[in-house]
């Protein structure tokens, strides 16, 4: 029985591999025209890309399935509009810039109203959300989706940094080079280079010491500067 099961599994595994290869080929063939022409780019299906002419990508970038790259030029979109026109309308000059060798496991969401800059060799775990603006909350008397966007400020993610699972980066945040943001963190302030930040809101818990060549614990979970 065990041999029979193994025999039956071989063609199933082979079929799965071939389907994965086909998915990659279809995905690469159906990529839109971006602001540049990167080499060896992979953005796996399914995916959603808005205004690709406003998105610049480096070489050897791999972004996993279920990702969203959205360089917005207006708000609101169709489903967010009030049927009687009682909503705030805005236009944006947005861009997304992704460096060389950036990798993302899956479900990376980049939503730009101004600019999201990701430097070379950044690594994203799954389900990371980055947006450089927030829904307005000027009034608690009307639905927030009709109040437009505000607090718009660019986001930068420094070279070689590692952004963990389920992380949210808020508008205006800078992640320093070679920094680490731990899983499930919400980053509301800048994270210094070569430091580790975790939590909601995220706080630095360790910093790299060049003299000792080790990570040193930050006393009392020092808040981000």
N, C-alpha and C. Protein backbone atom coordinates (compact mmCIF):
# COMPACT_ATOMS: atom_id res chain seq x y z
N UNK A 1 0.84 -1.21 0.00
CA UNK A 1 0.00 0.00 0.00
C UNK A 1 0.87 1.26 0.00
N UNK A 2 1.95 1.25 0.81
CA UNK A 2 2.83 2.40 0.89
C UNK A 2 3.50 2.65 -0.45
N UNK A 3 3.95 1.56 -1.11
CA UNK A 3 4.57 1.71 -2.42
C UNK A 3 3.59 2.26 -3.45
N UNK A 4 2.35 1.78 -3.38
CA UNK A 4 1.32 2.26 -4.30
C UNK A 4 1.07 3.75 -4.11
N UNK A 5 1.01 4.18 -2.84
CA UNK A 5 0.79 5.60 -2.54
C UNK A 5 1.93 6.44 -3.09
N UNK A 6 3.16 5.99 -2.87
CA UNK A 6 4.32 6.71 -3.39
C UNK A 6 4.30 6.78 -4.91
N UNK A 7 3.90 5.67 -5.55
CA UNK A 7 3.82 5.63 -7.00
C UNK A 7 2.79 6.63 -7.52
N UNK A 8 1.66 6.74 -6.82
CA UNK A 8 0.61 7.66 -7.24
C UNK A 8 0.99 9.12 -6.99
N UNK A 9 1.81 9.35 -5.98
CA UNK A 9 2.17 10.71 -5.64
C UNK A 9 3.13 11.33 -6.65
N UNK A 10 3.95 10.51 -7.29
CA UNK A 10 4.97 11.05 -8.20
C UNK A 10 4.38 11.90 -9.32
N UNK A 11 3.38 11.39 -10.04
CA UNK A 11 2.82 12.24 -11.11
C UNK A 11 2.10 13.48 -10.57
N UNK A 12 1.53 13.38 -9.38
CA UNK A 12 0.85 14.54 -8.78
C UNK A 12 1.87 15.64 -8.46
N UNK A 13 3.00 15.24 -7.87
CA UNK A 13 4.06 16.19 -7.56
C UNK A 13 4.61 16.80 -8.84
N UNK A 14 4.83 15.96 -9.85
CA UNK A 14 5.35 16.45 -11.13
C UNK A 14 4.38 17.44 -11.76
N UNK A 15 3.07 17.14 -11.70
CA UNK A 15 2.06 18.05 -12.23
C UNK A 15 2.10 19.38 -11.50
N UNK A 16 2.24 19.32 -10.17
CA UNK A 16 2.31 20.55 -9.38
C UNK A 16 3.49 21.42 -9.78
N UNK A 17 4.63 20.79 -10.00
CA UNK A 17 5.82 21.53 -10.43
C UNK A 17 5.60 22.18 -11.79
N UNK A 18 5.00 21.43 -12.72
CA UNK A 18 4.76 21.97 -14.06
C UNK A 18 3.75 23.12 -14.02
N UNK A 19 2.73 23.00 -13.17
CA UNK A 19 1.76 24.09 -13.04
C UNK A 19 2.41 25.34 -12.47
N UNK A 20 3.32 25.16 -11.52
CA UNK A 20 4.03 26.30 -10.95
C UNK A 20 4.89 26.98 -12.01
N UNK A 21 5.55 26.20 -12.83
CA UNK A 21 6.36 26.77 -13.91
C UNK A 21 5.49 27.52 -14.92
N UNK A 22 4.33 26.94 -15.23
CA UNK A 22 3.42 27.60 -16.16
C UNK A 22 2.92 28.91 -15.59
N UNK A 23 2.61 28.91 -14.30
CA UNK A 23 2.15 30.13 -13.63
C UNK A 23 3.22 31.22 -13.72
N UNK A 24 4.48 30.84 -13.53
CA UNK A 24 5.57 31.81 -13.63
C UNK A 24 5.68 32.38 -15.04
N UNK A 25 5.58 31.48 -16.04
CA UNK A 25 5.70 31.94 -17.42
C UNK A 25 4.56 32.89 -17.79
N UNK A 26 3.34 32.52 -17.39
CA UNK A 26 2.18 33.39 -17.68
C UNK A 26 2.33 34.72 -16.94
N UNK A 27 2.76 34.64 -15.67
CA UNK A 27 2.93 35.85 -14.89
C UNK A 27 3.94 36.80 -15.49
N UNK A 28 5.09 36.28 -15.93
CA UNK A 28 6.13 37.12 -16.53
C UNK A 28 5.67 37.69 -17.86
N UNK A 29 4.97 36.88 -18.64
CA UNK A 29 4.52 37.34 -19.96
C UNK A 29 3.46 38.42 -19.88
N UNK A 30 2.73 38.46 -18.77
CA UNK A 30 1.61 39.40 -18.65
C UNK A 30 1.93 40.62 -17.80
N UNK A 31 3.21 40.82 -17.46
CA UNK A 31 3.58 41.99 -16.69
C UNK A 31 3.35 43.26 -17.50
N UNK A 32 2.90 44.34 -16.85
CA UNK A 32 2.67 45.60 -17.59
C UNK A 32 3.98 46.32 -17.85
N UNK A 33 3.91 47.42 -18.58
CA UNK A 33 5.08 48.26 -18.82
C UNK A 33 5.26 49.22 -17.64
N UNK A 34 6.42 49.10 -16.99
CA UNK A 34 6.73 49.97 -15.85
C UNK A 34 7.46 51.23 -16.33
N UNK A 35 7.86 52.07 -15.38
CA UNK A 35 8.57 53.30 -15.72
C UNK A 35 9.95 53.01 -16.30
N UNK A 36 10.47 51.81 -16.05
CA UNK A 36 11.76 51.39 -16.60
C UNK A 36 11.62 49.96 -17.09
N UNK A 37 12.73 49.36 -17.47
CA UNK A 37 12.72 47.98 -17.97
C UNK A 37 13.68 47.13 -17.14
N UNK A 38 13.23 46.67 -15.97
CA UNK A 38 14.11 45.89 -15.10
C UNK A 38 14.41 44.51 -15.68
N UNK A 39 15.55 43.97 -15.29
CA UNK A 39 15.94 42.63 -15.73
C UNK A 39 15.57 41.60 -14.67
N UNK A 40 15.15 40.44 -15.13
CA UNK A 40 14.87 39.28 -14.27
C UNK A 40 13.87 39.63 -13.16
N UNK A 41 12.80 40.29 -13.54
CA UNK A 41 11.74 40.66 -12.61
C UNK A 41 10.70 39.55 -12.53
N UNK A 42 10.26 39.24 -11.30
CA UNK A 42 9.18 38.29 -11.11
C UNK A 42 8.18 38.87 -10.11
N UNK A 43 6.92 39.01 -10.54
CA UNK A 43 5.82 39.36 -9.65
C UNK A 43 4.76 38.29 -9.87
N UNK A 44 4.63 37.40 -8.92
CA UNK A 44 3.80 36.21 -9.13
C UNK A 44 2.31 36.52 -9.11
N UNK A 45 1.56 35.71 -9.83
CA UNK A 45 0.10 35.79 -9.83
C UNK A 45 -0.47 35.11 -8.60
N UNK A 46 -1.65 35.55 -8.14
CA UNK A 46 -2.38 36.75 -8.56
C UNK A 46 -1.73 38.01 -8.01
N UNK A 47 -2.00 39.15 -8.65
CA UNK A 47 -1.40 40.42 -8.25
C UNK A 47 -2.30 41.54 -8.74
N UNK A 48 -2.10 42.73 -8.15
CA UNK A 48 -2.82 43.92 -8.62
C UNK A 48 -1.84 45.07 -8.72
N UNK A 49 -1.70 45.65 -9.90
CA UNK A 49 -0.75 46.73 -10.15
C UNK A 49 -1.50 47.91 -10.73
N UNK A 50 -1.41 49.04 -10.06
CA UNK A 50 -2.11 50.25 -10.52
C UNK A 50 -1.10 51.31 -10.93
N UNK A 51 -1.27 51.85 -12.13
CA UNK A 51 -0.40 52.88 -12.69
C UNK A 51 1.06 52.43 -12.73
N UNK A 52 1.34 51.36 -13.46
CA UNK A 52 2.72 50.84 -13.52
C UNK A 52 3.72 51.83 -14.07
N UNK A 53 3.27 52.80 -14.88
CA UNK A 53 4.19 53.80 -15.43
C UNK A 53 4.74 54.72 -14.35
N UNK A 54 4.19 54.65 -13.14
CA UNK A 54 4.71 55.41 -12.01
C UNK A 54 5.53 54.54 -11.05
N UNK A 55 5.83 53.34 -11.47
CA UNK A 55 6.56 52.38 -10.62
C UNK A 55 7.88 52.04 -11.29
N UNK A 56 8.98 52.22 -10.55
CA UNK A 56 10.32 51.89 -11.02
C UNK A 56 10.85 50.72 -10.20
N UNK A 57 11.37 49.71 -10.89
CA UNK A 57 11.86 48.51 -10.20
C UNK A 57 13.30 48.22 -10.61
N UNK A 58 14.08 47.73 -9.64
CA UNK A 58 15.46 47.33 -9.92
C UNK A 58 15.52 45.95 -10.55
N UNK A 59 16.72 45.49 -10.75
CA UNK A 59 16.94 44.17 -11.33
C UNK A 59 16.83 43.08 -10.26
N UNK A 60 16.48 41.88 -10.69
CA UNK A 60 16.45 40.69 -9.82
C UNK A 60 15.47 40.85 -8.65
N UNK A 61 14.35 41.49 -8.91
CA UNK A 61 13.30 41.66 -7.90
C UNK A 61 12.33 40.49 -7.99
N UNK A 62 11.98 39.93 -6.83
CA UNK A 62 10.98 38.86 -6.79
C UNK A 62 9.93 39.20 -5.74
N UNK A 63 8.68 39.32 -6.19
CA UNK A 63 7.56 39.63 -5.31
C UNK A 63 6.55 38.50 -5.42
N UNK A 64 6.18 37.91 -4.29
CA UNK A 64 5.31 36.75 -4.26
C UNK A 64 3.86 37.07 -4.59
N UNK A 65 3.01 36.05 -4.59
CA UNK A 65 1.61 36.20 -5.01
C UNK A 65 0.79 37.05 -4.04
N UNK A 66 -0.38 37.49 -4.54
CA UNK A 66 -1.36 38.26 -3.76
C UNK A 66 -0.81 39.62 -3.33
N UNK A 67 0.07 40.19 -4.13
CA UNK A 67 0.64 41.48 -3.79
C UNK A 67 -0.08 42.61 -4.52
N UNK A 68 0.03 43.81 -3.94
CA UNK A 68 -0.59 45.01 -4.50
C UNK A 68 0.48 46.09 -4.61
N UNK A 69 0.67 46.61 -5.82
CA UNK A 69 1.54 47.76 -6.05
C UNK A 69 0.67 48.86 -6.64
N UNK A 70 0.36 49.86 -5.85
CA UNK A 70 -0.62 50.86 -6.28
C UNK A 70 -0.05 52.27 -6.11
N UNK A 71 0.25 52.90 -7.24
CA UNK A 71 0.69 54.30 -7.23
C UNK A 71 -0.52 55.15 -7.60
N UNK A 72 -1.22 55.61 -6.60
CA UNK A 72 -2.52 56.27 -6.81
C UNK A 72 -2.36 57.68 -7.36
N UNK A 73 -3.24 58.03 -8.28
CA UNK A 73 -3.26 59.38 -8.83
C UNK A 73 -4.52 60.14 -8.45
N UNK A 74 -5.48 59.45 -7.87
CA UNK A 74 -6.71 60.12 -7.45
C UNK A 74 -7.37 59.35 -6.31
N UNK A 75 -8.19 60.07 -5.59
CA UNK A 75 -9.03 59.46 -4.55
C UNK A 75 -10.35 60.23 -4.55
N UNK A 76 -11.47 59.52 -4.42
CA UNK A 76 -11.60 58.08 -4.24
C UNK A 76 -11.72 57.33 -5.56
N UNK A 77 -11.56 55.99 -5.48
CA UNK A 77 -11.88 55.15 -6.62
C UNK A 77 -13.38 54.90 -6.68
N UNK A 78 -13.80 54.15 -7.66
CA UNK A 78 -15.22 53.97 -7.93
C UNK A 78 -16.05 53.52 -6.75
N UNK A 79 -15.61 52.49 -6.04
CA UNK A 79 -16.41 51.93 -4.96
C UNK A 79 -16.37 52.78 -3.69
N UNK A 80 -15.44 53.73 -3.63
CA UNK A 80 -15.33 54.58 -2.45
C UNK A 80 -16.05 55.92 -2.64
N UNK A 81 -16.64 56.13 -3.79
CA UNK A 81 -17.34 57.39 -4.04
C UNK A 81 -18.75 57.37 -3.44
N UNK A 82 -19.18 58.51 -2.94
CA UNK A 82 -20.55 58.64 -2.48
C UNK A 82 -21.48 58.70 -3.70
N UNK A 83 -22.58 57.95 -3.70
CA UNK A 83 -23.44 57.91 -4.89
C UNK A 83 -24.01 59.27 -5.27
N UNK A 84 -24.06 60.19 -4.30
CA UNK A 84 -24.58 61.53 -4.60
C UNK A 84 -23.46 62.57 -4.67
N UNK A 85 -22.22 62.10 -4.73
CA UNK A 85 -21.09 63.01 -4.88
C UNK A 85 -20.63 63.69 -3.62
N UNK A 86 -21.12 63.25 -2.48
CA UNK A 86 -20.74 63.89 -1.22
C UNK A 86 -19.47 63.24 -0.67
N UNK A 87 -18.37 63.46 -1.39
CA UNK A 87 -17.08 62.93 -0.95
C UNK A 87 -15.99 63.93 -1.35
N UNK A 88 -14.87 63.85 -0.66
CA UNK A 88 -13.71 64.70 -0.98
C UNK A 88 -12.96 64.07 -2.14
N UNK A 89 -12.68 64.84 -3.19
CA UNK A 89 -11.92 64.36 -4.35
C UNK A 89 -10.51 64.95 -4.30
N UNK A 90 -9.51 64.11 -4.58
CA UNK A 90 -8.11 64.54 -4.54
C UNK A 90 -7.34 63.92 -5.70
N UNK A 91 -6.25 64.59 -6.10
CA UNK A 91 -5.33 64.04 -7.10
C UNK A 91 -3.93 64.00 -6.50
N UNK A 92 -3.11 63.06 -6.99
CA UNK A 92 -1.78 62.84 -6.43
C UNK A 92 -0.76 62.63 -7.55
N UNK A 93 0.48 63.00 -7.25
CA UNK A 93 1.61 62.74 -8.15
C UNK A 93 2.50 61.71 -7.44
N UNK A 94 2.10 60.46 -7.51
CA UNK A 94 2.73 59.41 -6.69
C UNK A 94 3.76 58.62 -7.48
N UNK A 95 4.61 57.92 -6.74
CA UNK A 95 5.59 57.02 -7.34
C UNK A 95 6.02 55.97 -6.32
N UNK A 96 6.36 54.81 -6.85
CA UNK A 96 6.95 53.72 -6.06
C UNK A 96 8.28 53.38 -6.69
N UNK A 97 9.33 53.35 -5.88
CA UNK A 97 10.67 53.04 -6.37
C UNK A 97 11.21 51.86 -5.58
N UNK A 98 11.54 50.79 -6.27
CA UNK A 98 12.02 49.55 -5.64
C UNK A 98 13.41 49.26 -6.18
N UNK A 99 14.38 49.02 -5.30
CA UNK A 99 15.76 48.81 -5.70
C UNK A 99 16.04 47.41 -6.20
N UNK A 100 17.31 47.12 -6.40
CA UNK A 100 17.76 45.82 -6.88
C UNK A 100 17.61 44.74 -5.81
N UNK A 101 17.31 43.54 -6.26
CA UNK A 101 17.33 42.32 -5.42
C UNK A 101 16.38 42.39 -4.23
N UNK A 102 15.33 43.15 -4.34
CA UNK A 102 14.30 43.19 -3.29
C UNK A 102 13.44 41.93 -3.40
N UNK A 103 13.14 41.30 -2.27
CA UNK A 103 12.32 40.09 -2.26
C UNK A 103 11.16 40.25 -1.28
N UNK A 104 10.02 39.65 -1.64
CA UNK A 104 8.84 39.66 -0.78
C UNK A 104 8.16 38.30 -0.89
N UNK A 105 7.87 37.68 0.24
CA UNK A 105 7.32 36.33 0.24
C UNK A 105 5.95 36.28 -0.42
N UNK A 106 5.00 37.09 0.07
CA UNK A 106 3.65 37.15 -0.50
C UNK A 106 2.88 38.29 0.15
N UNK A 107 1.80 38.71 -0.53
CA UNK A 107 0.85 39.69 0.02
C UNK A 107 1.51 40.98 0.48
N UNK A 108 2.51 41.44 -0.28
CA UNK A 108 3.09 42.76 -0.04
C UNK A 108 2.15 43.82 -0.60
N UNK A 109 1.79 44.80 0.22
CA UNK A 109 0.90 45.88 -0.23
C UNK A 109 1.63 47.21 -0.11
N UNK A 110 1.87 47.83 -1.26
CA UNK A 110 2.49 49.15 -1.31
C UNK A 110 1.48 50.11 -1.92
N UNK A 111 1.01 51.07 -1.13
CA UNK A 111 0.00 52.02 -1.59
C UNK A 111 0.59 53.42 -1.45
N UNK A 112 0.89 54.06 -2.59
CA UNK A 112 1.57 55.35 -2.58
C UNK A 112 0.65 56.47 -3.02
N UNK A 113 0.67 57.56 -2.27
CA UNK A 113 0.02 58.80 -2.67
C UNK A 113 1.09 59.86 -2.99
N UNK A 114 2.27 59.68 -2.40
CA UNK A 114 3.40 60.58 -2.65
C UNK A 114 4.60 59.76 -3.12
N UNK A 115 5.30 59.09 -2.19
CA UNK A 115 6.43 58.25 -2.61
C UNK A 115 6.71 57.17 -1.58
N UNK A 116 6.91 55.95 -2.07
CA UNK A 116 7.44 54.85 -1.28
C UNK A 116 8.75 54.44 -1.94
N UNK A 117 9.84 54.54 -1.19
CA UNK A 117 11.17 54.21 -1.69
C UNK A 117 11.71 53.01 -0.94
N UNK A 118 12.03 51.95 -1.67
CA UNK A 118 12.59 50.73 -1.09
C UNK A 118 13.98 50.54 -1.68
N UNK A 119 14.99 50.58 -0.85
CA UNK A 119 16.36 50.51 -1.34
C UNK A 119 16.78 49.06 -1.61
N UNK A 120 17.99 48.89 -2.11
CA UNK A 120 18.48 47.58 -2.53
C UNK A 120 18.45 46.55 -1.41
N UNK A 121 18.18 45.29 -1.78
CA UNK A 121 18.36 44.12 -0.92
C UNK A 121 17.44 44.09 0.30
N UNK A 122 16.33 44.80 0.24
CA UNK A 122 15.35 44.71 1.33
C UNK A 122 14.62 43.37 1.23
N UNK A 123 14.31 42.77 2.37
CA UNK A 123 13.61 41.49 2.44
C UNK A 123 12.31 41.68 3.21
N UNK A 124 11.20 41.33 2.57
CA UNK A 124 9.88 41.39 3.20
C UNK A 124 9.39 39.97 3.47
N UNK A 125 8.90 39.71 4.68
CA UNK A 125 8.15 38.49 4.94
C UNK A 125 6.74 38.69 4.38
N UNK A 126 5.82 37.78 4.69
CA UNK A 126 4.47 37.84 4.11
C UNK A 126 3.60 38.89 4.80
N UNK A 127 2.64 39.43 4.02
CA UNK A 127 1.56 40.26 4.54
C UNK A 127 2.07 41.54 5.19
N UNK A 128 2.89 42.28 4.44
CA UNK A 128 3.39 43.57 4.91
C UNK A 128 2.60 44.68 4.21
N UNK A 129 2.17 45.69 4.99
CA UNK A 129 1.39 46.81 4.46
C UNK A 129 2.14 48.11 4.64
N UNK A 130 2.34 48.84 3.52
CA UNK A 130 3.03 50.12 3.55
C UNK A 130 2.17 51.14 2.81
N UNK A 131 1.82 52.24 3.48
CA UNK A 131 1.06 53.30 2.86
C UNK A 131 1.59 54.64 3.35
N UNK A 132 1.68 55.61 2.44
CA UNK A 132 2.23 56.92 2.83
C UNK A 132 1.14 57.96 3.09
N UNK A 133 -0.09 57.50 3.37
CA UNK A 133 -1.16 58.41 3.75
C UNK A 133 -2.22 57.69 4.55
N UNK A 134 -3.09 58.48 5.22
CA UNK A 134 -4.15 57.92 6.05
C UNK A 134 -5.50 58.50 5.63
N UNK A 135 -6.54 57.74 5.88
CA UNK A 135 -7.88 58.28 5.69
C UNK A 135 -8.11 59.41 6.69
N UNK A 136 -8.70 60.48 6.21
CA UNK A 136 -8.97 61.62 7.07
C UNK A 136 -10.01 61.26 8.14
N UNK A 137 -9.86 61.87 9.29
CA UNK A 137 -10.81 61.70 10.39
C UNK A 137 -11.18 63.07 10.97
N UNK A 138 -11.39 64.03 10.06
CA UNK A 138 -11.73 65.39 10.49
C UNK A 138 -13.04 65.44 11.25
N UNK A 139 -13.94 64.54 10.90
CA UNK A 139 -15.27 64.56 11.51
C UNK A 139 -15.69 63.13 11.86
N UNK A 140 -16.39 63.00 12.99
CA UNK A 140 -16.96 61.71 13.36
C UNK A 140 -18.44 61.65 13.03
N UNK A 141 -18.89 62.57 12.14
CA UNK A 141 -20.30 62.63 11.75
C UNK A 141 -20.57 62.05 10.37
N UNK A 142 -19.51 61.64 9.66
CA UNK A 142 -19.70 61.08 8.32
C UNK A 142 -18.70 59.96 8.10
N UNK A 143 -19.00 59.03 7.18
CA UNK A 143 -18.10 57.91 6.94
C UNK A 143 -16.70 58.39 6.55
N UNK A 144 -15.70 57.76 7.11
CA UNK A 144 -14.31 58.19 6.89
C UNK A 144 -13.88 58.01 5.43
N UNK A 145 -14.45 57.04 4.72
CA UNK A 145 -14.04 56.81 3.34
C UNK A 145 -14.44 57.95 2.42
N UNK A 146 -15.36 58.82 2.87
CA UNK A 146 -15.77 59.96 2.06
C UNK A 146 -15.02 61.24 2.42
N UNK A 147 -14.10 61.17 3.40
CA UNK A 147 -13.43 62.37 3.91
C UNK A 147 -12.06 62.62 3.28
N UNK A 148 -11.65 61.78 2.32
CA UNK A 148 -10.38 61.99 1.65
C UNK A 148 -9.20 61.44 2.44
N UNK A 149 -8.00 61.74 1.94
CA UNK A 149 -6.75 61.26 2.55
C UNK A 149 -5.97 62.44 3.09
N UNK A 150 -5.25 62.22 4.21
CA UNK A 150 -4.38 63.26 4.74
C UNK A 150 -3.17 62.63 5.40
N UNK A 151 -2.38 63.45 6.11
CA UNK A 151 -1.12 63.01 6.75
C UNK A 151 -0.25 62.27 5.73
N UNK A 152 -0.20 62.81 4.52
CA UNK A 152 0.56 62.18 3.44
C UNK A 152 2.04 62.55 3.56
N UNK A 153 2.88 61.54 3.70
CA UNK A 153 4.32 61.77 3.86
C UNK A 153 5.06 60.52 3.39
N UNK A 154 6.14 60.72 2.65
CA UNK A 154 6.86 59.62 2.02
C UNK A 154 7.40 58.61 3.03
N UNK A 155 7.55 57.37 2.57
CA UNK A 155 8.11 56.28 3.36
C UNK A 155 9.38 55.80 2.68
N UNK A 156 10.43 55.58 3.47
CA UNK A 156 11.68 55.04 2.93
C UNK A 156 12.11 53.82 3.74
N UNK A 157 12.49 52.77 3.05
CA UNK A 157 12.97 51.54 3.69
C UNK A 157 14.42 51.34 3.25
N UNK A 158 15.34 51.39 4.21
CA UNK A 158 16.76 51.43 3.91
C UNK A 158 17.34 50.11 3.43
N UNK A 159 18.49 50.23 2.82
CA UNK A 159 19.20 49.11 2.20
C UNK A 159 19.37 47.92 3.16
N UNK A 160 19.05 46.74 2.64
CA UNK A 160 19.35 45.51 3.35
C UNK A 160 18.51 45.23 4.57
N UNK A 161 17.46 46.00 4.80
CA UNK A 161 16.66 45.79 6.00
C UNK A 161 15.73 44.59 5.84
N UNK A 162 15.18 44.15 6.96
CA UNK A 162 14.33 42.95 7.01
C UNK A 162 13.03 43.34 7.69
N UNK A 163 11.93 43.24 6.96
CA UNK A 163 10.61 43.60 7.48
C UNK A 163 9.82 42.31 7.71
N UNK A 164 9.44 42.04 8.95
CA UNK A 164 8.86 40.76 9.34
C UNK A 164 7.39 40.60 8.98
N UNK A 165 6.89 39.43 9.33
CA UNK A 165 5.51 39.03 9.00
C UNK A 165 4.48 39.99 9.61
N UNK A 166 3.48 40.37 8.81
CA UNK A 166 2.33 41.16 9.28
C UNK A 166 2.69 42.54 9.78
N UNK A 167 3.76 43.12 9.27
CA UNK A 167 4.19 44.45 9.70
C UNK A 167 3.39 45.53 8.96
N UNK A 168 3.10 46.63 9.68
CA UNK A 168 2.47 47.80 9.08
C UNK A 168 3.42 48.99 9.26
N UNK A 169 3.74 49.67 8.15
CA UNK A 169 4.58 50.87 8.21
C UNK A 169 3.69 52.08 7.92
N UNK A 170 3.68 53.02 8.85
CA UNK A 170 2.80 54.18 8.76
C UNK A 170 3.45 55.31 7.95
N UNK A 171 2.67 56.30 7.51
CA UNK A 171 3.21 57.40 6.71
C UNK A 171 4.35 58.13 7.41
N UNK A 172 5.34 58.55 6.60
CA UNK A 172 6.45 59.35 7.10
C UNK A 172 7.56 58.58 7.75
N UNK A 173 7.45 57.27 7.81
CA UNK A 173 8.43 56.45 8.51
C UNK A 173 9.66 56.21 7.63
N UNK A 174 10.83 56.24 8.25
CA UNK A 174 12.07 55.82 7.61
C UNK A 174 12.63 54.63 8.38
N UNK A 175 12.88 53.54 7.68
CA UNK A 175 13.55 52.37 8.26
C UNK A 175 15.02 52.47 7.85
N UNK A 176 15.90 52.58 8.82
CA UNK A 176 17.31 52.73 8.52
C UNK A 176 17.91 51.48 7.88
N UNK A 177 19.07 51.64 7.27
CA UNK A 177 19.68 50.51 6.57
C UNK A 177 20.03 49.39 7.55
N UNK A 178 19.82 48.16 7.09
CA UNK A 178 20.14 46.96 7.84
C UNK A 178 19.41 46.89 9.18
N UNK A 179 18.26 47.54 9.26
CA UNK A 179 17.41 47.43 10.45
C UNK A 179 16.49 46.23 10.30
N UNK A 180 15.93 45.78 11.43
CA UNK A 180 14.99 44.66 11.47
C UNK A 180 13.72 45.13 12.16
N UNK A 181 12.58 44.85 11.54
CA UNK A 181 11.29 45.11 12.18
C UNK A 181 10.62 43.76 12.43
N UNK A 182 10.35 43.44 13.70
CA UNK A 182 9.82 42.14 14.07
C UNK A 182 8.38 41.94 13.65
N UNK A 183 7.98 40.68 13.59
CA UNK A 183 6.64 40.30 13.15
C UNK A 183 5.55 40.99 13.97
N UNK A 184 4.44 41.34 13.29
CA UNK A 184 3.25 41.93 13.90
C UNK A 184 3.46 43.33 14.46
N UNK A 185 4.51 44.01 14.03
CA UNK A 185 4.79 45.35 14.53
C UNK A 185 4.06 46.41 13.71
N UNK A 186 3.72 47.51 14.38
CA UNK A 186 3.17 48.70 13.72
C UNK A 186 4.16 49.83 13.94
N UNK A 187 4.79 50.29 12.87
CA UNK A 187 5.87 51.28 12.99
C UNK A 187 5.30 52.67 12.75
N UNK A 188 5.36 53.50 13.76
CA UNK A 188 4.82 54.85 13.70
C UNK A 188 5.91 55.92 13.70
N UNK A 189 7.16 55.52 14.02
CA UNK A 189 8.29 56.44 14.05
C UNK A 189 9.48 55.79 13.36
N UNK A 190 10.49 56.61 13.05
CA UNK A 190 11.67 56.10 12.37
C UNK A 190 12.37 55.01 13.19
N UNK A 191 12.90 54.02 12.48
CA UNK A 191 13.71 52.97 13.09
C UNK A 191 15.16 53.22 12.70
N UNK A 192 16.06 53.42 13.67
CA UNK A 192 17.46 53.72 13.33
C UNK A 192 18.13 52.57 12.59
N UNK A 193 19.17 52.90 11.85
CA UNK A 193 19.95 51.88 11.15
C UNK A 193 20.52 50.88 12.13
N UNK A 194 20.62 49.63 11.68
CA UNK A 194 21.24 48.55 12.46
C UNK A 194 20.64 48.42 13.86
N UNK A 195 19.32 48.45 13.90
CA UNK A 195 18.62 48.23 15.16
C UNK A 195 17.48 47.25 14.92
N UNK A 196 16.92 46.71 16.00
CA UNK A 196 15.78 45.79 15.94
C UNK A 196 14.63 46.43 16.69
N UNK A 197 13.49 46.56 16.02
CA UNK A 197 12.31 47.17 16.63
C UNK A 197 11.14 46.19 16.56
N UNK A 198 10.35 46.14 17.64
CA UNK A 198 9.19 45.25 17.69
C UNK A 198 8.06 45.94 18.43
N UNK A 199 6.82 45.44 18.22
CA UNK A 199 5.69 45.87 19.03
C UNK A 199 4.75 46.83 18.32
N UNK A 200 3.71 47.24 19.07
CA UNK A 200 2.69 48.16 18.58
C UNK A 200 2.40 49.19 19.68
N UNK A 201 2.91 50.43 19.54
CA UNK A 201 3.80 50.88 18.46
C UNK A 201 5.21 50.29 18.64
N UNK A 202 5.93 50.17 17.53
CA UNK A 202 7.25 49.52 17.56
C UNK A 202 8.25 50.33 18.38
N UNK A 203 9.07 49.61 19.13
CA UNK A 203 10.15 50.20 19.92
C UNK A 203 11.43 49.43 19.67
N UNK A 204 12.55 50.15 19.77
CA UNK A 204 13.85 49.51 19.59
C UNK A 204 14.16 48.67 20.82
N UNK A 205 14.51 47.41 20.59
CA UNK A 205 14.90 46.54 21.71
C UNK A 205 16.37 46.15 21.65
N UNK A 206 16.99 46.26 20.46
CA UNK A 206 18.41 45.94 20.34
C UNK A 206 19.06 46.87 19.32
N UNK A 207 20.35 47.12 19.53
CA UNK A 207 21.15 47.87 18.57
C UNK A 207 22.45 47.12 18.31
N UNK A 208 22.95 47.23 17.09
CA UNK A 208 24.21 46.59 16.72
C UNK A 208 25.36 47.45 17.22
N UNK A 209 26.34 46.82 17.90
CA UNK A 209 27.50 47.52 18.43
C UNK A 209 28.70 47.20 17.55
N UNK A 210 29.23 48.22 16.89
CA UNK A 210 30.34 48.01 15.97
C UNK A 210 31.61 47.56 16.70
N UNK A 211 31.78 48.00 17.93
CA UNK A 211 32.99 47.64 18.67
C UNK A 211 32.97 46.18 19.10
N UNK A 212 31.84 45.73 19.67
CA UNK A 212 31.77 44.35 20.14
C UNK A 212 31.32 43.37 19.07
N UNK A 213 30.76 43.92 17.94
CA UNK A 213 30.25 43.09 16.84
C UNK A 213 29.13 42.18 17.32
N UNK A 214 28.27 42.73 18.17
CA UNK A 214 27.15 41.98 18.72
C UNK A 214 25.93 42.89 18.83
N UNK A 215 24.73 42.24 18.91
CA UNK A 215 23.50 42.97 19.21
C UNK A 215 23.43 43.19 20.72
N UNK A 216 23.20 44.44 21.13
CA UNK A 216 23.09 44.78 22.54
C UNK A 216 21.65 45.16 22.87
N UNK A 217 21.14 44.64 23.97
CA UNK A 217 19.77 44.94 24.40
C UNK A 217 19.68 46.39 24.84
N UNK A 218 18.62 47.06 24.43
CA UNK A 218 18.36 48.43 24.84
C UNK A 218 17.58 48.39 26.15
N UNK A 219 18.03 49.08 27.15
CA UNK A 219 17.41 49.05 28.47
C UNK A 219 15.97 49.57 28.40
N UNK A 220 15.08 48.86 29.08
CA UNK A 220 13.69 49.29 29.29
C UNK A 220 12.94 49.53 27.98
N UNK A 221 13.31 48.79 26.94
CA UNK A 221 12.60 48.91 25.65
C UNK A 221 12.46 50.38 25.24
N UNK A 222 13.60 51.03 25.08
CA UNK A 222 13.64 52.45 24.76
C UNK A 222 12.75 52.77 23.56
N UNK A 223 11.98 53.84 23.66
CA UNK A 223 11.11 54.25 22.56
C UNK A 223 11.95 54.74 21.40
N UNK A 224 11.38 54.65 20.18
CA UNK A 224 12.07 55.14 19.00
C UNK A 224 12.31 56.62 19.10
N UNK A 225 13.50 57.04 18.64
CA UNK A 225 13.82 58.47 18.62
C UNK A 225 13.13 59.15 17.44
